[in-house]
Amino acid sequence: MATSLDPALKVVERVKAASQRPVHIVIAGPAENCGEKVHNLRRAVESLSENFEVIVFTDSDVRLPHGWLSKLVAPLQDTRIGATTAYRWINPSPAIGSGGLASALASAWNASVATMLGRARENFCWGGGTAIRRSTFNDVRVLEAWEGAISDDFALTRALKNAGRSIVFCSECLAPTLHPWTGSSLLEFTNRQILITRVYDSRRWGMAAAAHLSYVFTLIFAAFVIMAQMADGDPWMNLVLMAFVIPFLAVMKGVLRTIAVVEMLPDWKAQLNQWSWVWTALAPVTPFLFAWNFIASLLTRRIRWRNVRYELVSPSVTRVLQR
């Protein structure tokens, strides 16, 4: 954490007091020319003693199931593997938020990203759940990759791929996340994620932008054509049926996602079934949110993250604009 005023400090101190194993707390101080999270991680890793063989990164808002850590670390027995990673699964639980449209959209938006993982060449490290051998971390020079970076996970991914090291997605380590959402926090989060992707992985950004923008354009164009046919008194029902195929396929993809996640998170089965409509009914809607995110990422390179404003100049140059 950056300062002793961080509200997480009291929680960590309680964990430290109850833990039977040593817990070391690092106060990193303010970040200069990089993201605050990156700065905190650099200081934490630099403070580790040499007897640590594996480094694991996770976020404070995930609800990790029993055995999560051992499952994430186990594949690293194969020294050819660069790192293992998990990913978040946002559960729009009303217990900690409004449970409204913003929460549901955040979950549906995130679900489409989570299901991108699994193909070896497309895998990327997620900062909320990544494990890497200490020797690999040093060999691929992650600390150097983090210099001037805003994104710890994208910089780690770039370092591993530049060194030709693989990233393994551990689907059984999917990490449930409960978080309150508002419309403004949803747009801030999704816009930030897409802009970071544009800066760090322009190829992935371009492919995703083409897919989502073409989906939105096709449906909007189809709507105008159908309305024009109706206004002219021409037959239009066949066009409606043809246009319906596109969102229907999105719904089917959402159904498959839901079935897979219920299998991967059996302890959360009741809640997942309760919110299954989010990942099915909203699947045809989320490309419109993505389209907004991609357009926004073309208009600015500035983001706000935990009340700190940054300008993303390049993957290795980040300006801290305002704390």
C-alpha atoms as a PDB file:
ATOM      1  CA  MET A   1       0.000   0.000   0.000  1.00  0.00           C
ATOM      2  CA  ALA A   2       1.129   3.542  -0.711  1.00  0.00           C
ATOM      3  CA  THR A   3       0.653   5.114   2.751  1.00  0.00           C
ATOM      4  CA  SER A   4      -0.291   4.169   6.282  1.00  0.00           C
ATOM      5  CA  LEU A   5      -3.606   5.980   5.688  1.00  0.00           C
ATOM      6  CA  ASP A   6      -4.762   3.250   3.303  1.00  0.00           C
ATOM      7  CA  PRO A   7      -8.021   1.814   4.727  1.00  0.00           C
ATOM      8  CA  ALA A   8      -6.796  -1.694   3.873  1.00  0.00           C
ATOM      9  CA  LEU A   9      -4.018  -1.404   6.460  1.00  0.00           C
ATOM     10  CA  LYS A  10      -6.306  -2.131   9.422  1.00  0.00           C
ATOM     11  CA  VAL A  11      -7.671  -5.230   7.697  1.00  0.00           C
ATOM     12  CA  VAL A  12      -4.161  -6.478   6.877  1.00  0.00           C
ATOM     13  CA  GLU A  13      -3.059  -5.862  10.458  1.00  0.00           C
ATOM     14  CA  ARG A  14      -5.962  -7.981  11.729  1.00  0.00           C
ATOM     15  CA  VAL A  15      -4.986 -10.755   9.322  1.00  0.00           C
ATOM     16  CA  LYS A  16      -1.379 -10.470  10.471  1.00  0.00           C
ATOM     17  CA  ALA A  17      -2.399 -10.742  14.122  1.00  0.00           C
ATOM     18  CA  ALA A  18      -4.498 -13.868  13.465  1.00  0.00           C
ATOM     19  CA  SER A  19      -2.062 -15.553  11.085  1.00  0.00           C
ATOM     20  CA  GLN A  20       0.135 -18.417  12.243  1.00  0.00           C
ATOM     21  CA  ARG A  21       2.616 -17.535   9.509  1.00  0.00           C
ATOM     22  CA  PRO A  22       4.691 -14.372   9.186  1.00  0.00           C
ATOM     23  CA  VAL A  23       2.992 -11.455   7.410  1.00  0.00           C
ATOM     24  CA  HIS A  24       5.133  -8.569   6.188  1.00  0.00           C
ATOM     25  CA  ILE A  25       3.472  -5.214   5.495  1.00  0.00           C
ATOM     26  CA  VAL A  26       5.178  -2.818   3.082  1.00  0.00           C
ATOM     27  CA  ILE A  27       4.363   0.900   2.972  1.00  0.00           C
ATOM     28  CA  ALA A  28       5.590   1.841  -0.491  1.00  0.00           C
ATOM     29  CA  GLY A  29       5.180   5.603  -0.436  1.00  0.00           C
ATOM     30  CA  PRO A  30       3.809   7.731  -3.302  1.00  0.00           C
ATOM     31  CA  ALA A  31       4.339   6.592  -6.892  1.00  0.00           C
ATOM     32  CA  GLU A  32       6.413   8.630  -9.316  1.00  0.00           C
ATOM     33  CA  ASN A  33       5.950   8.212 -13.072  1.00  0.00           C
ATOM     34  CA  CYS A  34       4.140   4.862 -12.821  1.00  0.00           C
ATOM     35  CA  GLY A  35       0.862   3.466 -11.534  1.00  0.00           C
ATOM     36  CA  GLU A  36       0.364   3.320  -7.778  1.00  0.00           C
ATOM     37  CA  LYS A  37      -0.327  -0.425  -7.879  1.00  0.00           C
ATOM     38  CA  VAL A  38       2.811  -1.066  -9.925  1.00  0.00           C
ATOM     39  CA  HIS A  39       4.851   1.012  -7.482  1.00  0.00           C
ATOM     40  CA  ASN A  40       3.437  -0.885  -4.495  1.00  0.00           C
ATOM     41  CA  LEU A  41       4.177  -4.251  -6.109  1.00  0.00           C
ATOM     42  CA  ARG A  42       7.738  -3.258  -6.982  1.00  0.00           C
ATOM     43  CA  ARG A  43       8.448  -2.303  -3.383  1.00  0.00           C
ATOM     44  CA  ALA A  44       6.786  -5.468  -2.072  1.00  0.00           C
ATOM     45  CA  VAL A  45       8.782  -7.767  -4.363  1.00  0.00           C
ATOM     46  CA  GLU A  46      12.027  -5.955  -3.619  1.00  0.00           C
ATOM     47  CA  SER A  47      11.450  -6.528   0.104  1.00  0.00           C
ATOM     48  CA  LEU A  48      11.066 -10.317  -0.249  1.00  0.00           C
ATOM     49  CA  SER A  49      13.794 -12.535   1.111  1.00  0.00           C
ATOM     50  CA  GLU A  50      15.618 -14.844  -1.293  1.00  0.00           C
ATOM     51  CA  ASN A  51      14.018 -18.026   0.098  1.00  0.00           C
ATOM     52  CA  PHE A  52      10.681 -17.347  -1.659  1.00  0.00           C
ATOM     53  CA  GLU A  53      10.393 -19.679  -4.648  1.00  0.00           C
ATOM     54  CA  VAL A  54       7.007 -18.524  -5.967  1.00  0.00           C
ATOM     55  CA  ILE A  55       5.392 -15.081  -6.051  1.00  0.00           C
ATOM     56  CA  VAL A  56       1.595 -14.851  -6.120  1.00  0.00           C
ATOM     57  CA  PHE A  57      -0.368 -11.670  -6.816  1.00  0.00           C
ATOM     58  CA  THR A  58      -4.030 -11.262  -5.884  1.00  0.00           C
ATOM     59  CA  ASP A  59      -6.549  -8.459  -5.359  1.00  0.00           C
ATOM     60  CA  SER A  60      -8.207  -7.484  -2.118  1.00  0.00           C
ATOM     61  CA  ASP A  61     -11.767  -7.711  -3.465  1.00  0.00           C
ATOM     62  CA  VAL A  62     -11.753 -11.366  -4.579  1.00  0.00           C
ATOM     63  CA  ARG A  63     -13.469 -14.131  -2.578  1.00  0.00           C
ATOM     64  CA  LEU A  64     -11.095 -17.031  -3.056  1.00  0.00           C
ATOM     65  CA  PRO A  65     -12.419 -20.579  -2.537  1.00  0.00           C
ATOM     66  CA  HIS A  66     -10.616 -23.212  -0.491  1.00  0.00           C
ATOM     67  CA  GLY A  67      -7.610 -24.653  -2.312  1.00  0.00           C
ATOM     68  CA  TRP A  68      -7.373 -21.732  -4.751  1.00  0.00           C
ATOM     69  CA  LEU A  69      -3.724 -20.999  -4.032  1.00  0.00           C
ATOM     70  CA  SER A  70      -2.508 -24.581  -4.351  1.00  0.00           C
ATOM     71  CA  LYS A  71      -4.373 -25.010  -7.662  1.00  0.00           C
ATOM     72  CA  LEU A  72      -2.876 -21.809  -9.050  1.00  0.00           C
ATOM     73  CA  VAL A  73       0.677 -22.699  -8.040  1.00  0.00           C
ATOM     74  CA  ALA A  74       0.630 -26.431  -8.907  1.00  0.00           C
ATOM     75  CA  PRO A  75       1.301 -26.101 -12.685  1.00  0.00           C
ATOM     76  CA  LEU A  76       4.530 -24.204 -11.932  1.00  0.00           C
ATOM     77  CA  GLN A  77       6.145 -27.525 -11.098  1.00  0.00           C
ATOM     78  CA  ASP A  78       6.745 -27.584 -14.842  1.00  0.00           C
ATOM     79  CA  THR A  79       9.605 -25.094 -15.117  1.00  0.00           C
ATOM     80  CA  ARG A  80       8.815 -24.509 -18.803  1.00  0.00           C
ATOM     81  CA  ILE A  81       5.678 -22.592 -17.780  1.00  0.00           C
ATOM     82  CA  GLY A  82       6.201 -18.875 -17.405  1.00  0.00           C
ATOM     83  CA  ALA A  83       3.231 -18.059 -15.178  1.00  0.00           C
ATOM     84  CA  THR A  84      -0.252 -19.214 -14.248  1.00  0.00           C
ATOM     85  CA  THR A  85      -3.234 -16.928 -14.099  1.00  0.00           C
ATOM     86  CA  ALA A  86      -6.848 -16.800 -12.997  1.00  0.00           C
ATOM     87  CA  TYR A  87      -9.511 -14.199 -13.750  1.00  0.00           C
ATOM     88  CA  ARG A  88     -12.280 -12.406 -11.918  1.00  0.00           C
ATOM     89  CA  TRP A  89     -15.942 -13.366 -12.138  1.00  0.00           C
ATOM     90  CA  ILE A  90     -18.095 -10.444 -11.036  1.00  0.00           C
ATOM     91  CA  ASN A  91     -21.193 -11.542  -9.177  1.00  0.00           C
ATOM     92  CA  PRO A  92     -23.760  -8.699  -9.137  1.00  0.00           C
ATOM     93  CA  SER A  93     -24.819  -9.410  -5.568  1.00  0.00           C
ATOM     94  CA  PRO A  94     -27.254  -6.830  -4.158  1.00  0.00           C
ATOM     95  CA  ALA A  95     -25.913  -7.556  -0.677  1.00  0.00           C
ATOM     96  CA  ILE A  96     -23.126  -4.979  -1.142  1.00  0.00           C
ATOM     97  CA  GLY A  97     -24.614  -2.672  -3.734  1.00  0.00           C
ATOM     98  CA  SER A  98     -27.791  -1.665  -5.449  1.00  0.00           C
ATOM     99  CA  GLY A  99     -27.875  -4.790  -7.594  1.00  0.00           C
ATOM    100  CA  GLY A 100     -29.141  -2.570 -10.367  1.00  0.00           C
ATOM    101  CA  LEU A 101     -28.399  -2.241 -14.051  1.00  0.00           C
ATOM    102  CA  ALA A 102     -24.833  -0.952 -13.540  1.00  0.00           C
ATOM    103  CA  SER A 103     -23.924  -3.970 -11.432  1.00  0.00           C
ATOM    104  CA  ALA A 104     -25.491  -6.360 -13.926  1.00  0.00           C
ATOM    105  CA  LEU A 105     -23.754  -4.712 -16.892  1.00  0.00           C
ATOM    106  CA  ALA A 106     -20.401  -4.815 -15.107  1.00  0.00           C
ATOM    107  CA  SER A 107     -20.818  -8.541 -14.612  1.00  0.00           C
ATOM    108  CA  ALA A 108     -21.944  -9.204 -18.190  1.00  0.00           C
ATOM    109  CA  TRP A 109     -19.143  -7.033 -19.605  1.00  0.00           C
ATOM    110  CA  ASN A 110     -16.524  -8.824 -17.521  1.00  0.00           C
ATOM    111  CA  ALA A 111     -17.909 -12.274 -18.403  1.00  0.00           C
ATOM    112  CA  SER A 112     -17.160 -11.751 -22.083  1.00  0.00           C
ATOM    113  CA  VAL A 113     -13.524 -10.949 -21.233  1.00  0.00           C
ATOM    114  CA  ALA A 114     -13.160 -13.910 -18.861  1.00  0.00           C
ATOM    115  CA  THR A 115     -14.120 -16.401 -21.553  1.00  0.00           C
ATOM    116  CA  MET A 116     -11.377 -15.139 -23.873  1.00  0.00           C
ATOM    117  CA  LEU A 117      -8.809 -16.968 -21.751  1.00  0.00           C
ATOM    118  CA  GLY A 118      -7.862 -20.584 -22.340  1.00  0.00           C
ATOM    119  CA  ARG A 119      -6.113 -20.439 -25.706  1.00  0.00           C
ATOM    120  CA  ALA A 120      -2.375 -20.537 -25.024  1.00  0.00           C
ATOM    121  CA  ARG A 121      -1.409 -17.833 -27.526  1.00  0.00           C
ATOM    122  CA  GLU A 122      -4.133 -15.460 -26.306  1.00  0.00           C
ATOM    123  CA  ASN A 123      -3.668 -15.884 -22.550  1.00  0.00           C
ATOM    124  CA  PHE A 124      -2.627 -12.892 -20.483  1.00  0.00           C
ATOM    125  CA  CYS A 125      -1.778 -12.408 -16.824  1.00  0.00           C
ATOM    126  CA  TRP A 126      -4.467 -10.971 -14.575  1.00  0.00           C
ATOM    127  CA  GLY A 127      -3.067  -8.974 -11.680  1.00  0.00           C
ATOM    128  CA  GLY A 128      -5.788 -10.204  -9.339  1.00  0.00           C
ATOM    129  CA  GLY A 129      -4.590 -13.809  -9.565  1.00  0.00           C
ATOM    130  CA  THR A 130      -1.198 -14.653 -11.039  1.00  0.00           C
ATOM    131  CA  ALA A 131       1.578 -16.982  -9.853  1.00  0.00           C
ATOM    132  CA  ILE A 132       5.150 -17.001 -11.143  1.00  0.00           C
ATOM    133  CA  ARG A 133       8.359 -18.660 -10.038  1.00  0.00           C
ATOM    134  CA  ARG A 134      10.829 -16.223  -8.476  1.00  0.00           C
ATOM    135  CA  SER A 135      13.530 -17.373 -10.884  1.00  0.00           C
ATOM    136  CA  THR A 136      11.255 -16.737 -13.890  1.00  0.00           C
ATOM    137  CA  PHE A 137      10.253 -13.345 -12.508  1.00  0.00           C
ATOM    138  CA  ASN A 138      13.944 -12.388 -12.398  1.00  0.00           C
ATOM    139  CA  ASP A 139      14.853 -14.013 -15.721  1.00  0.00           C
ATOM    140  CA  VAL A 140      12.233 -12.101 -17.738  1.00  0.00           C
ATOM    141  CA  ARG A 141      13.099  -8.872 -15.858  1.00  0.00           C
ATOM    142  CA  VAL A 142       9.642  -7.977 -14.635  1.00  0.00           C
ATOM    143  CA  LEU A 143      10.915  -5.194 -12.379  1.00  0.00           C
ATOM    144  CA  GLU A 144      12.371  -3.528 -15.455  1.00  0.00           C
ATOM    145  CA  ALA A 145       9.123  -4.074 -17.367  1.00  0.00           C
ATOM    146  CA  TRP A 146       7.247  -2.344 -14.545  1.00  0.00           C
ATOM    147  CA  GLU A 147       9.351   0.822 -14.810  1.00  0.00           C
ATOM    148  CA  GLY A 148       7.034   3.593 -15.960  1.00  0.00           C
ATOM    149  CA  ALA A 149       4.061   1.221 -16.350  1.00  0.00           C
ATOM    150  CA  ILE A 150       0.448   1.784 -15.316  1.00  0.00           C
ATOM    151  CA  SER A 151      -0.615  -1.860 -15.747  1.00  0.00           C
ATOM    152  CA  ASP A 152       1.171  -4.493 -13.688  1.00  0.00           C
ATOM    153  CA  ASP A 153      -0.467  -7.426 -15.470  1.00  0.00           C
ATOM    154  CA  PHE A 154      -0.047  -6.227 -19.051  1.00  0.00           C
ATOM    155  CA  ALA A 155       3.594  -5.327 -18.390  1.00  0.00           C
ATOM    156  CA  LEU A 156       4.142  -8.777 -16.863  1.00  0.00           C
ATOM    157  CA  THR A 157       2.432 -10.380 -19.862  1.00  0.00           C
ATOM    158  CA  ARG A 158       4.652  -8.462 -22.292  1.00  0.00           C
ATOM    159  CA  ALA A 159       7.789  -9.464 -20.376  1.00  0.00           C
ATOM    160  CA  LEU A 160       6.841 -13.144 -20.450  1.00  0.00           C
ATOM    161  CA  LYS A 161       5.869 -13.169 -24.126  1.00  0.00           C
ATOM    162  CA  ASN A 162       8.978 -11.254 -25.160  1.00  0.00           C
ATOM    163  CA  ALA A 163      10.988 -13.979 -23.431  1.00  0.00           C
ATOM    164  CA  GLY A 164       8.967 -16.728 -25.138  1.00  0.00           C
ATOM    165  CA  ARG A 165       7.484 -17.996 -21.857  1.00  0.00           C
ATOM    166  CA  SER A 166       3.954 -19.423 -21.747  1.00  0.00           C
ATOM    167  CA  ILE A 167       1.017 -18.301 -19.617  1.00  0.00           C
ATOM    168  CA  VAL A 168      -1.379 -21.001 -18.397  1.00  0.00           C
ATOM    169  CA  PHE A 169      -4.972 -20.109 -17.547  1.00  0.00           C
ATOM    170  CA  CYS A 170      -6.244 -22.108 -14.555  1.00  0.00           C
ATOM    171  CA  SER A 171      -9.997 -22.159 -15.118  1.00  0.00           C
ATOM    172  CA  GLU A 172     -10.561 -23.861 -11.755  1.00  0.00           C
ATOM    173  CA  CYS A 173      -9.075 -20.745 -10.120  1.00  0.00           C
ATOM    174  CA  LEU A 174     -11.776 -18.364 -11.331  1.00  0.00           C
ATOM    175  CA  ALA A 175     -12.066 -15.716  -8.602  1.00  0.00           C
ATOM    176  CA  PRO A 176     -15.550 -14.533  -7.539  1.00  0.00           C
ATOM    177  CA  THR A 177     -15.675 -10.785  -6.962  1.00  0.00           C
ATOM    178  CA  LEU A 178     -18.334  -8.774  -5.156  1.00  0.00           C
ATOM    179  CA  HIS A 179     -18.264  -5.044  -5.744  1.00  0.00           C
ATOM    180  CA  PRO A 180     -20.802  -2.200  -5.579  1.00  0.00           C
ATOM    181  CA  TRP A 181     -21.286  -0.452  -8.913  1.00  0.00           C
ATOM    182  CA  THR A 182     -22.776   2.808 -10.105  1.00  0.00           C
ATOM    183  CA  GLY A 183     -23.155   4.050 -13.655  1.00  0.00           C
ATOM    184  CA  SER A 184     -20.135   6.349 -13.307  1.00  0.00           C
ATOM    185  CA  SER A 185     -17.895   3.701 -11.724  1.00  0.00           C
ATOM    186  CA  LEU A 186     -18.896   1.225 -14.456  1.00  0.00           C
ATOM    187  CA  LEU A 187     -17.903   3.634 -17.239  1.00  0.00           C
ATOM    188  CA  GLU A 188     -14.711   4.614 -15.431  1.00  0.00           C
ATOM    189  CA  PHE A 189     -13.693   0.971 -14.993  1.00  0.00           C
ATOM    190  CA  THR A 190     -14.567  -0.251 -18.491  1.00  0.00           C
ATOM    191  CA  ASN A 191     -13.117   2.807 -20.260  1.00  0.00           C
ATOM    192  CA  ARG A 192      -9.910   2.434 -18.251  1.00  0.00           C
ATOM    193  CA  GLN A 193      -9.534  -1.253 -19.071  1.00  0.00           C
ATOM    194  CA  ILE A 194      -9.997  -0.718 -22.798  1.00  0.00           C
ATOM    195  CA  LEU A 195      -7.624   2.258 -22.920  1.00  0.00           C
ATOM    196  CA  ILE A 196      -4.959   0.247 -21.082  1.00  0.00           C
ATOM    197  CA  THR A 197      -5.476  -2.545 -23.625  1.00  0.00           C
ATOM    198  CA  ARG A 198      -5.019  -0.080 -26.474  1.00  0.00           C
ATOM    199  CA  VAL A 199      -1.723   1.164 -25.029  1.00  0.00           C
ATOM    200  CA  TYR A 200      -0.285  -2.247 -24.099  1.00  0.00           C
ATOM    201  CA  ASP A 201      -1.750  -4.608 -26.700  1.00  0.00           C
ATOM    202  CA  SER A 202      -2.875  -2.736 -29.810  1.00  0.00           C
ATOM    203  CA  ARG A 203      -3.406  -5.975 -31.765  1.00  0.00           C
ATOM    204  CA  ARG A 204      -5.856  -7.375 -29.208  1.00  0.00           C
ATOM    205  CA  TRP A 205      -7.510  -3.955 -28.953  1.00  0.00           C
ATOM    206  CA  GLY A 206      -7.918  -3.714 -32.726  1.00  0.00           C
ATOM    207  CA  MET A 207      -9.426  -7.176 -33.125  1.00  0.00           C
ATOM    208  CA  ALA A 208     -11.882  -6.639 -30.269  1.00  0.00           C
ATOM    209  CA  ALA A 209     -12.821  -3.173 -31.543  1.00  0.00           C
ATOM    210  CA  ALA A 210     -13.554  -4.552 -35.011  1.00  0.00           C
ATOM    211  CA  ALA A 211     -15.744  -7.321 -33.593  1.00  0.00           C
ATOM    212  CA  HIS A 212     -17.818  -5.168 -31.245  1.00  0.00           C
ATOM    213  CA  LEU A 213     -18.164  -2.142 -33.513  1.00  0.00           C
ATOM    214  CA  SER A 214     -19.242  -4.313 -36.449  1.00  0.00           C
ATOM    215  CA  TYR A 215     -21.855  -5.993 -34.203  1.00  0.00           C
ATOM    216  CA  VAL A 216     -23.259  -2.614 -33.146  1.00  0.00           C
ATOM    217  CA  PHE A 217     -23.157  -1.170 -36.664  1.00  0.00           C
ATOM    218  CA  THR A 218     -24.908  -4.223 -38.115  1.00  0.00           C
ATOM    219  CA  LEU A 219     -27.782  -4.099 -35.623  1.00  0.00           C
ATOM    220  CA  ILE A 220     -28.255  -0.337 -35.954  1.00  0.00           C
ATOM    221  CA  PHE A 221     -28.183  -0.570 -39.748  1.00  0.00           C
ATOM    222  CA  ALA A 222     -30.668  -3.465 -39.661  1.00  0.00           C
ATOM    223  CA  ALA A 223     -32.998  -1.418 -37.437  1.00  0.00           C
ATOM    224  CA  PHE A 224     -32.989   1.489 -39.909  1.00  0.00           C
ATOM    225  CA  VAL A 225     -33.629  -0.822 -42.860  1.00  0.00           C
ATOM    226  CA  ILE A 226     -36.528  -2.502 -41.069  1.00  0.00           C
ATOM    227  CA  MET A 227     -38.082   0.851 -40.137  1.00  0.00           C
ATOM    228  CA  ALA A 228     -37.717   2.046 -43.718  1.00  0.00           C
ATOM    229  CA  GLN A 229     -39.412  -1.112 -44.995  1.00  0.00           C
ATOM    230  CA  MET A 230     -42.257  -0.634 -42.508  1.00  0.00           C
ATOM    231  CA  ALA A 231     -42.677   3.022 -43.491  1.00  0.00           C
ATOM    232  CA  ASP A 232     -42.876   2.074 -47.175  1.00  0.00           C
ATOM    233  CA  GLY A 233     -45.358  -0.698 -46.482  1.00  0.00           C
ATOM    234  CA  ASP A 234     -42.979  -3.348 -47.764  1.00  0.00           C
ATOM    235  CA  PRO A 235     -42.580  -6.802 -46.163  1.00  0.00           C
ATOM    236  CA  TRP A 236     -40.297  -6.523 -43.138  1.00  0.00           C
ATOM    237  CA  MET A 237     -40.823  -9.615 -40.951  1.00  0.00           C
ATOM    238  CA  ASN A 238     -38.158 -11.646 -42.759  1.00  0.00           C
ATOM    239  CA  LEU A 239     -35.626  -8.888 -42.090  1.00  0.00           C
ATOM    240  CA  VAL A 240     -36.535  -8.912 -38.374  1.00  0.00           C
ATOM    241  CA  LEU A 241     -35.973 -12.650 -38.205  1.00  0.00           C
ATOM    242  CA  MET A 242     -32.625 -12.340 -39.958  1.00  0.00           C
ATOM    243  CA  ALA A 243     -31.495  -9.526 -37.665  1.00  0.00           C
ATOM    244  CA  PHE A 244     -32.650 -11.483 -34.604  1.00  0.00           C
ATOM    245  CA  VAL A 245     -30.120 -14.222 -35.372  1.00  0.00           C
ATOM    246  CA  ILE A 246     -27.204 -11.999 -34.280  1.00  0.00           C
ATOM    247  CA  PRO A 247     -28.349 -11.224 -30.693  1.00  0.00           C
ATOM    248  CA  PHE A 248     -29.720 -14.772 -30.409  1.00  0.00           C
ATOM    249  CA  LEU A 249     -26.227 -16.163 -30.976  1.00  0.00           C
ATOM    250  CA  ALA A 250     -24.933 -13.791 -28.283  1.00  0.00           C
ATOM    251  CA  VAL A 251     -27.550 -15.153 -25.873  1.00  0.00           C
ATOM    252  CA  MET A 252     -26.506 -18.726 -26.658  1.00  0.00           C
ATOM    253  CA  LYS A 253     -22.901 -17.836 -25.962  1.00  0.00           C
ATOM    254  CA  GLY A 254     -24.012 -16.385 -22.641  1.00  0.00           C
ATOM    255  CA  VAL A 255     -25.816 -19.625 -21.803  1.00  0.00           C
ATOM    256  CA  LEU A 256     -22.648 -21.607 -22.450  1.00  0.00           C
ATOM    257  CA  ARG A 257     -20.647 -19.201 -20.263  1.00  0.00           C
ATOM    258  CA  THR A 258     -23.110 -19.615 -17.412  1.00  0.00           C
ATOM    259  CA  ILE A 259     -23.068 -23.408 -17.594  1.00  0.00           C
ATOM    260  CA  ALA A 260     -19.260 -23.434 -17.578  1.00  0.00           C
ATOM    261  CA  VAL A 261     -18.968 -21.029 -14.637  1.00  0.00           C
ATOM    262  CA  VAL A 262     -21.443 -22.989 -12.509  1.00  0.00           C
ATOM    263  CA  GLU A 263     -19.203 -26.024 -13.042  1.00  0.00           C
ATOM    264  CA  MET A 264     -16.072 -24.081 -12.091  1.00  0.00           C
ATOM    265  CA  LEU A 265     -17.598 -22.419  -8.992  1.00  0.00           C
ATOM    266  CA  PRO A 266     -19.762 -25.089  -7.318  1.00  0.00           C
ATOM    267  CA  ASP A 267     -19.739 -23.245  -3.971  1.00  0.00           C
ATOM    268  CA  TRP A 268     -21.458 -20.299  -5.662  1.00  0.00           C
ATOM    269  CA  LYS A 269     -24.010 -22.345  -7.591  1.00  0.00           C
ATOM    270  CA  ALA A 270     -27.093 -20.869  -5.904  1.00  0.00           C
ATOM    271  CA  GLN A 271     -26.038 -17.276  -6.496  1.00  0.00           C
ATOM    272  CA  LEU A 272     -24.872 -17.983 -10.036  1.00  0.00           C
ATOM    273  CA  ASN A 273     -28.206 -19.556 -10.907  1.00  0.00           C
ATOM    274  CA  GLN A 274     -29.985 -16.574  -9.391  1.00  0.00           C
ATOM    275  CA  TRP A 275     -28.080 -14.173 -11.628  1.00  0.00           C
ATOM    276  CA  SER A 276     -27.882 -16.356 -14.751  1.00  0.00           C
ATOM    277  CA  TRP A 277     -30.096 -13.889 -16.648  1.00  0.00           C
ATOM    278  CA  VAL A 278     -27.286 -11.326 -16.419  1.00  0.00           C
ATOM    279  CA  TRP A 279     -24.884 -13.390 -18.550  1.00  0.00           C
ATOM    280  CA  THR A 280     -27.581 -14.458 -21.027  1.00  0.00           C
ATOM    281  CA  ALA A 281     -30.122 -11.668 -21.449  1.00  0.00           C
ATOM    282  CA  LEU A 282     -27.490  -8.914 -21.296  1.00  0.00           C
ATOM    283  CA  ALA A 283     -25.035 -10.657 -23.629  1.00  0.00           C
ATOM    284  CA  PRO A 284     -26.547  -8.933 -26.712  1.00  0.00           C
ATOM    285  CA  VAL A 285     -26.319  -5.551 -24.931  1.00  0.00           C
ATOM    286  CA  THR A 286     -22.706  -5.535 -23.733  1.00  0.00           C
ATOM    287  CA  PRO A 287     -21.199  -4.959 -27.217  1.00  0.00           C
ATOM    288  CA  PHE A 288     -22.802  -1.506 -27.122  1.00  0.00           C
ATOM    289  CA  LEU A 289     -20.937  -0.754 -23.881  1.00  0.00           C
ATOM    290  CA  PHE A 290     -17.749  -2.096 -25.432  1.00  0.00           C
ATOM    291  CA  ALA A 291     -18.312   0.127 -28.474  1.00  0.00           C
ATOM    292  CA  TRP A 292     -18.513   3.161 -26.190  1.00  0.00           C
ATOM    293  CA  ASN A 293     -15.296   2.051 -24.457  1.00  0.00           C
ATOM    294  CA  PHE A 294     -13.418   1.677 -27.756  1.00  0.00           C
ATOM    295  CA  ILE A 295     -14.556   5.080 -29.002  1.00  0.00           C
ATOM    296  CA  ALA A 296     -13.592   6.664 -25.658  1.00  0.00           C
ATOM    297  CA  SER A 297     -10.133   5.069 -25.848  1.00  0.00           C
ATOM    298  CA  LEU A 298      -9.565   6.890 -29.151  1.00  0.00           C
ATOM    299  CA  LEU A 299     -10.379  10.274 -27.650  1.00  0.00           C
ATOM    300  CA  THR A 300      -8.075  10.373 -24.630  1.00  0.00           C
ATOM    301  CA  ARG A 301      -5.083   8.761 -22.988  1.00  0.00           C
ATOM    302  CA  ARG A 302      -6.037   9.949 -19.518  1.00  0.00           C
ATOM    303  CA  ILE A 303      -7.614   7.812 -16.807  1.00  0.00           C
ATOM    304  CA  ARG A 304      -8.523   8.024 -13.157  1.00  0.00           C
ATOM    305  CA  TRP A 305      -7.638   5.071 -10.938  1.00  0.00           C
ATOM    306  CA  ARG A 306      -8.367   5.143  -7.199  1.00  0.00           C
ATOM    307  CA  ASN A 307      -8.713   8.927  -7.348  1.00  0.00           C
ATOM    308  CA  VAL A 308      -5.312   9.391  -9.020  1.00  0.00           C
ATOM    309  CA  ARG A 309      -5.252  10.820 -12.543  1.00  0.00           C
ATOM    310  CA  TYR A 310      -2.736   9.482 -15.074  1.00  0.00           C
ATOM    311  CA  GLU A 311      -1.752  10.050 -18.671  1.00  0.00           C
ATOM    312  CA  LEU A 312      -0.714   6.890 -20.524  1.00  0.00           C
ATOM    313  CA  VAL A 313       1.991   8.040 -22.924  1.00  0.00           C
ATOM    314  CA  SER A 314       3.289   4.553 -23.795  1.00  0.00           C
ATOM    315  CA  PRO A 315       3.688   1.131 -22.143  1.00  0.00           C
ATOM    316  CA  SER A 316       6.799   2.393 -20.351  1.00  0.00           C
ATOM    317  CA  VAL A 317       5.889   6.052 -19.808  1.00  0.00           C
ATOM    318  CA  THR A 318       3.123   7.083 -17.398  1.00  0.00           C
ATOM    319  CA  ARG A 319       2.564  10.603 -16.134  1.00  0.00           C
ATOM    320  CA  VAL A 320       0.966  11.164 -12.734  1.00  0.00           C
ATOM    321  CA  LEU A 321      -1.242  14.206 -13.307  1.00  0.00           C
ATOM    322  CA  GLN A 322      -3.066  14.625  -9.999  1.00  0.00           C
ATOM    323  CA  ARG A 323      -3.283  12.823  -6.658  1.00  0.00           C
END
